[in-house]
Amino acid sequence: MPPSLRIARVCVFVALAAGIVYAGFQSPGLIVRAVCIGAVAVLIAMGILGRLHRKASTRIIALGLPDGDYPAEIHVSAVLQAEPARVMAVCLAAIESLPNFGSIKRNEPANYISARTRLSRYSWGERITAKAEPHLEGTNLILESVPVLWTVTMDMHFNYQNAALILRYLQEKIGIKRISPSEYFMDIIAADP
């Protein structure tokens, strides 16, 4: 079920509860009026959320990424065929090439990157972290992109976009051996560099 419909369902129940509480269980006419006002508010909210969802889908497709229902927080683990220093250098270049790149914290250990994206009309920004660990087959990269505000549950696919573009860049420059969760990103690494 699309996020906008889940939110609409919750709004309907909230409108019904608010109508009953507002009327104090005394007047059926007041309850009906409050529920009608709530229903109109829900329809307006559904229209706005549907439009935002279409804009997010259009942006994702324009970047050559598959549209889908992605979580607001993305956590990825990928095994790359290079040493940790090279992986971090390429990962840094990938983060700096993001369309909504903001800043990078420079005082970090050599195997860790912490970055932020800019505030936009549709996002409060995202926090991106990447950590490289030695692995038998090369380097294990743990990549995360999460909303800056912990209360965000619908991020207009910005976190998926960040992770997907970074992984695509890494695939082109180094090559990814394995990735988890593969269901979101397998098509990005399907073609060999």
C-alpha atoms as a PDB file:
ATOM      1  CA  MET A   1       0.000   0.000   0.000  1.00  0.00           C
ATOM      2  CA  PRO A   2       1.428   3.431  -0.949  1.00  0.00           C
ATOM      3  CA  PRO A   3       2.458   5.628   2.006  1.00  0.00           C
ATOM      4  CA  SER A   4      -0.133   8.265   1.087  1.00  0.00           C
ATOM      5  CA  LEU A   5      -2.964   5.725   1.475  1.00  0.00           C
ATOM      6  CA  ARG A   6      -1.611   4.533   4.827  1.00  0.00           C
ATOM      7  CA  ILE A   7      -1.512   8.126   6.047  1.00  0.00           C
ATOM      8  CA  ALA A   8      -5.019   8.760   4.699  1.00  0.00           C
ATOM      9  CA  ARG A   9      -6.353   5.736   6.582  1.00  0.00           C
ATOM     10  CA  VAL A  10      -4.860   7.047   9.832  1.00  0.00           C
ATOM     11  CA  CYS A  11      -6.298  10.514   9.114  1.00  0.00           C
ATOM     12  CA  VAL A  12      -9.805   9.055   8.682  1.00  0.00           C
ATOM     13  CA  PHE A  13      -9.640   7.401  12.094  1.00  0.00           C
ATOM     14  CA  VAL A  14      -8.225  10.569  13.672  1.00  0.00           C
ATOM     15  CA  ALA A  15     -11.015  12.655  12.097  1.00  0.00           C
ATOM     16  CA  LEU A  16     -13.650  10.247  13.405  1.00  0.00           C
ATOM     17  CA  ALA A  17     -12.155  10.243  16.907  1.00  0.00           C
ATOM     18  CA  ALA A  18     -11.789  14.031  16.886  1.00  0.00           C
ATOM     19  CA  GLY A  19     -15.428  14.418  15.817  1.00  0.00           C
ATOM     20  CA  ILE A  20     -16.663  12.184  18.608  1.00  0.00           C
ATOM     21  CA  VAL A  21     -14.501  13.911  21.233  1.00  0.00           C
ATOM     22  CA  TYR A  22     -15.456  17.379  19.944  1.00  0.00           C
ATOM     23  CA  ALA A  23     -19.158  16.586  20.143  1.00  0.00           C
ATOM     24  CA  GLY A  24     -18.717  15.040  23.572  1.00  0.00           C
ATOM     25  CA  PHE A  25     -20.973  12.124  22.636  1.00  0.00           C
ATOM     26  CA  GLN A  26     -23.945  14.498  22.972  1.00  0.00           C
ATOM     27  CA  SER A  27     -25.070  15.568  19.525  1.00  0.00           C
ATOM     28  CA  PRO A  28     -25.072  13.282  16.485  1.00  0.00           C
ATOM     29  CA  GLY A  29     -25.243  16.386  14.255  1.00  0.00           C
ATOM     30  CA  LEU A  30     -21.992  17.750  15.674  1.00  0.00           C
ATOM     31  CA  ILE A  31     -20.311  14.371  15.231  1.00  0.00           C
ATOM     32  CA  VAL A  32     -21.411  14.196  11.582  1.00  0.00           C
ATOM     33  CA  ARG A  33     -20.219  17.769  10.933  1.00  0.00           C
ATOM     34  CA  ALA A  34     -16.831  17.135  12.537  1.00  0.00           C
ATOM     35  CA  VAL A  35     -16.369  13.888  10.592  1.00  0.00           C
ATOM     36  CA  CYS A  36     -17.301  15.632   7.307  1.00  0.00           C
ATOM     37  CA  ILE A  37     -14.761  18.383   7.966  1.00  0.00           C
ATOM     38  CA  GLY A  38     -12.183  15.707   8.792  1.00  0.00           C
ATOM     39  CA  ALA A  39     -13.043  13.797   5.594  1.00  0.00           C
ATOM     40  CA  VAL A  40     -12.544  16.906   3.465  1.00  0.00           C
ATOM     41  CA  ALA A  41      -9.201  17.518   5.185  1.00  0.00           C
ATOM     42  CA  VAL A  42      -8.220  13.896   4.462  1.00  0.00           C
ATOM     43  CA  LEU A  43      -9.108  14.259   0.765  1.00  0.00           C
ATOM     44  CA  ILE A  44      -7.011  17.426   0.507  1.00  0.00           C
ATOM     45  CA  ALA A  45      -4.102  15.713   2.313  1.00  0.00           C
ATOM     46  CA  MET A  46      -4.374  12.676   0.008  1.00  0.00           C
ATOM     47  CA  GLY A  47      -4.256  14.935  -3.056  1.00  0.00           C
ATOM     48  CA  ILE A  48      -1.165  16.752  -1.785  1.00  0.00           C
ATOM     49  CA  LEU A  49       0.595  13.523  -0.769  1.00  0.00           C
ATOM     50  CA  GLY A  50      -0.278  11.877  -4.095  1.00  0.00           C
ATOM     51  CA  ARG A  51       1.181  14.824  -5.985  1.00  0.00           C
ATOM     52  CA  LEU A  52       4.379  14.728  -3.885  1.00  0.00           C
ATOM     53  CA  HIS A  53       4.656  10.974  -4.485  1.00  0.00           C
ATOM     54  CA  ARG A  54       4.351  11.499  -8.274  1.00  0.00           C
ATOM     55  CA  LYS A  55       7.067  14.192  -8.144  1.00  0.00           C
ATOM     56  CA  ALA A  56       9.352  11.831  -6.203  1.00  0.00           C
ATOM     57  CA  SER A  57       8.705   9.039  -8.727  1.00  0.00           C
ATOM     58  CA  THR A  58       9.437  11.360 -11.655  1.00  0.00           C
ATOM     59  CA  ARG A  59      12.729  12.500 -10.049  1.00  0.00           C
ATOM     60  CA  ILE A  60      13.846   8.918  -9.329  1.00  0.00           C
ATOM     61  CA  ILE A  61      13.015   7.745 -12.869  1.00  0.00           C
ATOM     62  CA  ALA A  62      14.827  10.779 -14.369  1.00  0.00           C
ATOM     63  CA  LEU A  63      17.975   9.669 -12.508  1.00  0.00           C
ATOM     64  CA  GLY A  64      17.668   6.229 -14.117  1.00  0.00           C
ATOM     65  CA  LEU A  65      16.653   4.514 -10.868  1.00  0.00           C
ATOM     66  CA  PRO A  66      13.701   2.152 -10.412  1.00  0.00           C
ATOM     67  CA  ASP A  67      10.640   3.620  -8.701  1.00  0.00           C
ATOM     68  CA  GLY A  68       9.244   1.755  -5.726  1.00  0.00           C
ATOM     69  CA  ASP A  69       8.095   1.920  -2.133  1.00  0.00           C
ATOM     70  CA  TYR A  70      11.394   2.405  -0.288  1.00  0.00           C
ATOM     71  CA  PRO A  71      11.846   2.896   3.466  1.00  0.00           C
ATOM     72  CA  ALA A  72      12.799   6.334   4.784  1.00  0.00           C
ATOM     73  CA  GLU A  73      16.026   4.917   6.260  1.00  0.00           C
ATOM     74  CA  ILE A  74      18.405   3.009   3.999  1.00  0.00           C
ATOM     75  CA  HIS A  75      21.095   0.702   5.422  1.00  0.00           C
ATOM     76  CA  VAL A  76      23.288  -1.166   2.918  1.00  0.00           C
ATOM     77  CA  SER A  77      26.250  -3.500   3.216  1.00  0.00           C
ATOM     78  CA  ALA A  78      28.368  -4.080   0.094  1.00  0.00           C
ATOM     79  CA  VAL A  79      31.533  -6.093  -0.537  1.00  0.00           C
ATOM     80  CA  LEU A  80      33.865  -4.345  -3.000  1.00  0.00           C
ATOM     81  CA  GLN A  81      36.937  -5.647  -4.802  1.00  0.00           C
ATOM     82  CA  ALA A  82      39.467  -3.094  -3.518  1.00  0.00           C
ATOM     83  CA  GLU A  83      41.383  -2.098  -0.399  1.00  0.00           C
ATOM     84  CA  PRO A  84      39.601   0.117   2.205  1.00  0.00           C
ATOM     85  CA  ALA A  85      41.589   3.288   1.357  1.00  0.00           C
ATOM     86  CA  ARG A  86      40.576   3.117  -2.328  1.00  0.00           C
ATOM     87  CA  VAL A  87      36.954   2.337  -1.437  1.00  0.00           C
ATOM     88  CA  MET A  88      36.789   5.371   0.870  1.00  0.00           C
ATOM     89  CA  ALA A  89      38.367   7.662  -1.738  1.00  0.00           C
ATOM     90  CA  VAL A  90      35.850   6.585  -4.388  1.00  0.00           C
ATOM     91  CA  CYS A  91      33.000   6.746  -1.861  1.00  0.00           C
ATOM     92  CA  LEU A  92      33.987  10.316  -0.963  1.00  0.00           C
ATOM     93  CA  ALA A  93      33.925  11.287  -4.645  1.00  0.00           C
ATOM     94  CA  ALA A  94      30.515   9.579  -5.016  1.00  0.00           C
ATOM     95  CA  ILE A  95      29.044  11.487  -2.075  1.00  0.00           C
ATOM     96  CA  GLU A  96      30.409  14.800  -3.369  1.00  0.00           C
ATOM     97  CA  SER A  97      28.790  14.112  -6.761  1.00  0.00           C
ATOM     98  CA  LEU A  98      25.270  13.713  -5.313  1.00  0.00           C
ATOM     99  CA  PRO A  99      22.786  16.247  -6.734  1.00  0.00           C
ATOM    100  CA  ASN A 100      21.792  17.403  -3.233  1.00  0.00           C
ATOM    101  CA  PHE A 101      25.267  17.247  -1.611  1.00  0.00           C
ATOM    102  CA  GLY A 102      25.763  19.592   1.338  1.00  0.00           C
ATOM    103  CA  SER A 103      28.875  19.031   3.447  1.00  0.00           C
ATOM    104  CA  ILE A 104      31.323  16.421   4.773  1.00  0.00           C
ATOM    105  CA  LYS A 105      32.870  16.259   8.230  1.00  0.00           C
ATOM    106  CA  ARG A 106      36.634  16.213   7.670  1.00  0.00           C
ATOM    107  CA  ASN A 107      37.786  15.228  11.201  1.00  0.00           C
ATOM    108  CA  GLU A 108      36.906  11.545  10.903  1.00  0.00           C
ATOM    109  CA  PRO A 109      38.977   8.350  10.966  1.00  0.00           C
ATOM    110  CA  ALA A 110      40.346   7.251   7.586  1.00  0.00           C
ATOM    111  CA  ASN A 111      37.772   4.473   7.219  1.00  0.00           C
ATOM    112  CA  TYR A 112      34.696   6.609   8.035  1.00  0.00           C
ATOM    113  CA  ILE A 113      32.782   9.356   6.191  1.00  0.00           C
ATOM    114  CA  SER A 114      29.957  11.455   7.605  1.00  0.00           C
ATOM    115  CA  ALA A 115      28.092  13.790   5.234  1.00  0.00           C
ATOM    116  CA  ARG A 116      24.918  15.852   5.054  1.00  0.00           C
ATOM    117  CA  THR A 117      22.705  16.824   2.151  1.00  0.00           C
ATOM    118  CA  ARG A 118      21.054  20.190   1.670  1.00  0.00           C
ATOM    119  CA  LEU A 119      17.620  21.250   2.809  1.00  0.00           C
ATOM    120  CA  SER A 120      15.163  21.397  -0.098  1.00  0.00           C
ATOM    121  CA  ARG A 121      11.467  21.990  -0.699  1.00  0.00           C
ATOM    122  CA  TYR A 122      10.757  18.285  -0.197  1.00  0.00           C
ATOM    123  CA  SER A 123      13.369  17.260   2.387  1.00  0.00           C
ATOM    124  CA  TRP A 124      14.904  18.478   5.635  1.00  0.00           C
ATOM    125  CA  GLY A 125      18.123  16.881   4.434  1.00  0.00           C
ATOM    126  CA  GLU A 126      19.740  13.503   4.980  1.00  0.00           C
ATOM    127  CA  ARG A 127      22.685  12.230   6.984  1.00  0.00           C
ATOM    128  CA  ILE A 128      24.955   9.848   5.041  1.00  0.00           C
ATOM    129  CA  THR A 129      27.581   7.677   6.713  1.00  0.00           C
ATOM    130  CA  ALA A 130      30.005   5.213   5.134  1.00  0.00           C
ATOM    131  CA  LYS A 131      32.368   2.881   6.977  1.00  0.00           C
ATOM    132  CA  ALA A 132      34.919   0.560   5.346  1.00  0.00           C
ATOM    133  CA  GLU A 133      36.041  -2.633   7.041  1.00  0.00           C
ATOM    134  CA  PRO A 134      38.587  -5.169   5.738  1.00  0.00           C
ATOM    135  CA  HIS A 135      36.978  -8.327   4.360  1.00  0.00           C
ATOM    136  CA  LEU A 136      38.286 -11.630   2.993  1.00  0.00           C
ATOM    137  CA  GLU A 137      37.154 -10.661  -0.521  1.00  0.00           C
ATOM    138  CA  GLY A 138      38.231  -7.006  -0.383  1.00  0.00           C
ATOM    139  CA  THR A 139      36.359  -4.378   1.638  1.00  0.00           C
ATOM    140  CA  ASN A 140      32.968  -4.424   3.334  1.00  0.00           C
ATOM    141  CA  LEU A 141      31.324  -0.999   3.024  1.00  0.00           C
ATOM    142  CA  ILE A 142      28.490  -0.170   5.410  1.00  0.00           C
ATOM    143  CA  LEU A 143      26.478   2.693   3.931  1.00  0.00           C
ATOM    144  CA  GLU A 144      23.586   4.491   5.599  1.00  0.00           C
ATOM    145  CA  SER A 145      21.375   7.353   4.496  1.00  0.00           C
ATOM    146  CA  VAL A 146      18.794   8.520   7.039  1.00  0.00           C
ATOM    147  CA  PRO A 147      16.641  11.637   7.437  1.00  0.00           C
ATOM    148  CA  VAL A 148      18.138  14.409   9.566  1.00  0.00           C
ATOM    149  CA  LEU A 149      14.881  14.543  11.535  1.00  0.00           C
ATOM    150  CA  TRP A 150      14.257  11.216  13.282  1.00  0.00           C
ATOM    151  CA  THR A 151      10.478  11.768  13.057  1.00  0.00           C
ATOM    152  CA  VAL A 152      10.439  11.572   9.227  1.00  0.00           C
ATOM    153  CA  THR A 153       8.688   8.431   7.959  1.00  0.00           C
ATOM    154  CA  MET A 154       8.212   9.468   4.308  1.00  0.00           C
ATOM    155  CA  ASP A 155      11.309  10.964   2.685  1.00  0.00           C
ATOM    156  CA  MET A 156      10.246  11.270  -0.976  1.00  0.00           C
ATOM    157  CA  HIS A 157      12.881   8.595  -1.819  1.00  0.00           C
ATOM    158  CA  PHE A 158      15.851  10.897  -1.139  1.00  0.00           C
ATOM    159  CA  ASN A 159      17.645   8.328   1.047  1.00  0.00           C
ATOM    160  CA  TYR A 160      17.162   5.608  -1.575  1.00  0.00           C
ATOM    161  CA  GLN A 161      18.415   8.053  -4.229  1.00  0.00           C
ATOM    162  CA  ASN A 162      21.563   8.810  -2.196  1.00  0.00           C
ATOM    163  CA  ALA A 163      22.406   5.155  -1.562  1.00  0.00           C
ATOM    164  CA  ALA A 164      21.599   4.086  -5.137  1.00  0.00           C
ATOM    165  CA  LEU A 165      23.717   6.833  -6.734  1.00  0.00           C
ATOM    166  CA  ILE A 166      26.669   6.116  -4.414  1.00  0.00           C
ATOM    167  CA  LEU A 167      26.445   2.380  -5.161  1.00  0.00           C
ATOM    168  CA  ARG A 168      26.162   3.022  -8.907  1.00  0.00           C
ATOM    169  CA  TYR A 169      29.306   5.193  -8.746  1.00  0.00           C
ATOM    170  CA  LEU A 170      31.168   2.507  -6.757  1.00  0.00           C
ATOM    171  CA  GLN A 171      30.073  -0.166  -9.241  1.00  0.00           C
ATOM    172  CA  GLU A 172      31.351   1.883 -12.171  1.00  0.00           C
ATOM    173  CA  LYS A 173      34.718   2.729 -10.559  1.00  0.00           C
ATOM    174  CA  ILE A 174      35.540  -0.399  -8.534  1.00  0.00           C
ATOM    175  CA  GLY A 175      32.954  -3.148  -8.898  1.00  0.00           C
ATOM    176  CA  ILE A 176      30.642  -4.567  -6.239  1.00  0.00           C
ATOM    177  CA  LYS A 177      30.830  -8.279  -5.496  1.00  0.00           C
ATOM    178  CA  ARG A 178      27.864  -8.648  -3.130  1.00  0.00           C
ATOM    179  CA  ILE A 179      25.223  -6.340  -1.737  1.00  0.00           C
ATOM    180  CA  SER A 180      22.623  -6.565   1.014  1.00  0.00           C
ATOM    181  CA  PRO A 181      19.700  -5.885   0.905  1.00  0.00           C
ATOM    182  CA  SER A 182      19.834  -6.919  -2.730  1.00  0.00           C
ATOM    183  CA  GLU A 183      16.123  -6.389  -3.503  1.00  0.00           C
ATOM    184  CA  TYR A 184      16.541  -2.592  -3.605  1.00  0.00           C
ATOM    185  CA  PHE A 185      19.905  -2.355  -5.345  1.00  0.00           C
ATOM    186  CA  MET A 186      20.556  -5.490  -7.419  1.00  0.00           C
ATOM    187  CA  ASP A 187      19.664  -3.760 -10.704  1.00  0.00           C
ATOM    188  CA  ILE A 188      22.272  -1.056  -9.965  1.00  0.00           C
ATOM    189  CA  ILE A 189      25.082  -3.597  -9.737  1.00  0.00           C
ATOM    190  CA  ALA A 190      23.768  -6.024 -12.389  1.00  0.00           C
ATOM    191  CA  ALA A 191      26.026  -4.774 -15.176  1.00  0.00           C
ATOM    192  CA  ASP A 192      29.758  -5.320 -14.677  1.00  0.00           C
ATOM    193  CA  PRO A 193      31.902  -2.142 -14.831  1.00  0.00           C
END
